[in-house]
Amino acid sequence: MAPGGNDPASDKRYFRIGEVAKITGVKPYVLRYWESEFRWMAPQKSKSKQRLYRRRDIDMILLIKKLLYEQRYTIAGARKKLRELGSGRALEEGSLSVETDHQARFRKIRKELEQIRAML
């Protein structure tokens, strides 16, 4: 459930913390904690002081989640990695690795289908 696509929320510009938690699979209290650890991650706030995240913020949260949970970086290590790459390049690199994962999965499926076809 990523921002965009056929989701009714795809036209939204801003997302509240509960919506972001559902989209990213990261609990709201973890998102608030990450705000203190990753200083650049400071979403805008509404007049009622609710956090308002943009799509780019959600993409960065997904990247941080990947660095911390999948690639096993520490928070300090993830912060350093993001600083080294810069935010734009970090997002590109994060999306490239997802694209590569999809490509590998498609190649595997294609190979299996070709094997099935050869058996027929």
Protein backbone atom coordinates (compact mmCIF):
# COMPACT_ATOMS: atom_id res chain seq x y z
CA MET A 1 0.00 0.00 0.00
CA ALA A 2 2.28 2.72 -1.23
CA PRO A 3 1.22 6.28 -1.87
CA GLY A 4 -0.19 6.59 -5.35
CA GLY A 5 -1.64 3.87 -7.54
CA ASN A 6 -5.35 3.02 -7.45
CA ASP A 7 -5.72 3.93 -3.80
CA PRO A 8 -8.38 6.61 -3.14
CA ALA A 9 -5.73 8.48 -1.15
CA SER A 10 -3.58 8.77 -4.28
CA ASP A 11 -4.88 12.30 -4.95
CA LYS A 12 -4.00 13.50 -1.45
CA ARG A 13 -1.13 15.91 -0.96
CA TYR A 14 -0.79 15.49 2.78
CA PHE A 15 -1.19 12.50 5.08
CA ARG A 16 -1.70 12.40 8.83
CA ILE A 17 0.55 10.28 11.02
CA GLY A 18 -2.03 7.49 11.34
CA GLU A 19 -2.34 7.23 7.56
CA VAL A 20 1.44 7.22 7.18
CA ALA A 21 1.69 4.48 9.80
CA LYS A 22 -0.72 2.32 7.80
CA ILE A 23 1.01 3.02 4.49
CA THR A 24 4.54 2.36 5.78
CA GLY A 25 3.88 -0.26 8.45
CA VAL A 26 5.71 1.89 11.00
CA LYS A 27 3.95 2.69 14.28
CA PRO A 28 3.20 6.39 14.99
CA TYR A 29 5.42 6.47 18.09
CA VAL A 30 8.33 5.16 15.98
CA LEU A 31 7.71 7.89 13.39
CA ARG A 32 7.77 10.52 16.15
CA TYR A 33 11.00 9.02 17.50
CA TRP A 34 12.58 9.04 14.04
CA GLU A 35 11.76 12.76 13.83
CA SER A 36 14.07 13.32 16.78
CA GLU A 37 16.83 11.13 15.29
CA PHE A 38 16.61 12.33 11.68
CA ARG A 39 16.41 16.12 12.07
CA TRP A 40 15.39 16.73 8.43
CA MET A 41 12.31 14.58 9.01
CA ALA A 42 10.10 17.30 10.41
CA PRO A 43 6.69 17.18 8.74
CA GLN A 44 4.64 20.32 8.48
CA LYS A 45 2.00 20.81 11.12
CA SER A 46 -1.58 21.88 10.67
CA LYS A 47 -3.24 24.64 12.66
CA SER A 48 -4.37 21.94 15.08
CA LYS A 49 -0.73 20.80 15.45
CA GLN A 50 -1.25 17.51 13.56
CA ARG A 51 1.70 16.25 11.54
CA LEU A 52 1.20 16.47 7.79
CA TYR A 53 3.46 14.24 5.70
CA ARG A 54 4.01 14.60 1.95
CA ARG A 55 4.64 11.75 -0.49
CA ARG A 56 8.37 12.48 -0.43
CA ASP A 57 8.33 12.16 3.36
CA ILE A 58 6.65 8.76 3.04
CA ASP A 59 9.26 7.64 0.51
CA MET A 60 12.04 8.65 2.91
CA ILE A 61 10.32 6.84 5.78
CA LEU A 62 10.17 3.69 3.65
CA LEU A 63 13.86 4.09 2.85
CA ILE A 64 14.75 4.55 6.53
CA LYS A 65 12.65 1.50 7.38
CA LYS A 66 14.55 -0.50 4.76
CA LEU A 67 17.94 0.66 6.06
CA LEU A 68 17.06 -0.10 9.67
CA TYR A 69 14.98 -3.27 9.41
CA GLU A 70 16.16 -5.01 6.24
CA GLN A 71 19.77 -3.89 5.87
CA ARG A 72 20.30 -3.81 9.66
CA TYR A 73 21.87 -0.35 9.91
CA THR A 74 21.94 1.34 13.29
CA ILE A 75 20.19 4.70 13.49
CA ALA A 76 23.58 6.42 13.43
CA GLY A 77 24.63 4.31 10.44
CA ALA A 78 21.40 5.05 8.56
CA ARG A 79 21.78 8.76 9.32
CA LYS A 80 25.35 8.67 7.97
CA LYS A 81 24.32 6.72 4.85
CA LEU A 82 21.52 9.19 4.07
CA ARG A 83 23.85 12.14 4.65
CA GLU A 84 26.47 10.63 2.32
CA LEU A 85 23.94 10.04 -0.45
CA GLY A 86 21.90 13.20 -0.04
CA SER A 87 18.11 12.97 0.07
CA GLY A 88 17.46 12.97 -3.68
CA ARG A 89 20.07 10.34 -4.46
CA ALA A 90 19.03 8.26 -1.44
CA LEU A 91 15.47 8.10 -2.72
CA GLU A 92 16.69 7.17 -6.20
CA GLU A 93 18.94 4.45 -4.82
CA GLY A 94 16.17 3.13 -2.60
CA SER A 95 13.73 2.93 -5.50
CA LEU A 96 16.38 1.36 -7.75
CA SER A 97 16.95 -1.47 -5.33
CA VAL A 98 13.20 -2.07 -5.13
CA GLU A 99 13.04 -2.06 -8.93
CA THR A 100 15.94 -4.53 -9.08
CA ASP A 101 14.14 -6.82 -6.62
CA HIS A 102 11.06 -6.75 -8.84
CA GLN A 103 13.12 -7.43 -11.94
CA ALA A 104 14.76 -10.45 -10.31
CA ARG A 105 11.35 -11.76 -9.26
CA PHE A 106 9.97 -11.30 -12.79
CA ARG A 107 12.98 -13.12 -14.28
CA LYS A 108 12.41 -16.04 -11.92
CA ILE A 109 8.70 -16.21 -12.81
CA ARG A 110 9.50 -16.02 -16.51
CA LYS A 111 12.02 -18.85 -16.21
CA GLU A 112 9.48 -21.01 -14.38
CA LEU A 113 6.83 -20.29 -17.03
CA GLU A 114 9.27 -21.21 -19.79
CA GLN A 115 9.99 -24.50 -18.02
CA ILE A 116 6.28 -25.23 -17.77
CA ARG A 117 5.82 -24.40 -21.46
CA ALA A 118 8.66 -26.75 -22.37
CA MET A 119 6.92 -29.56 -20.49
CA LEU A 120 3.69 -29.09 -22.51
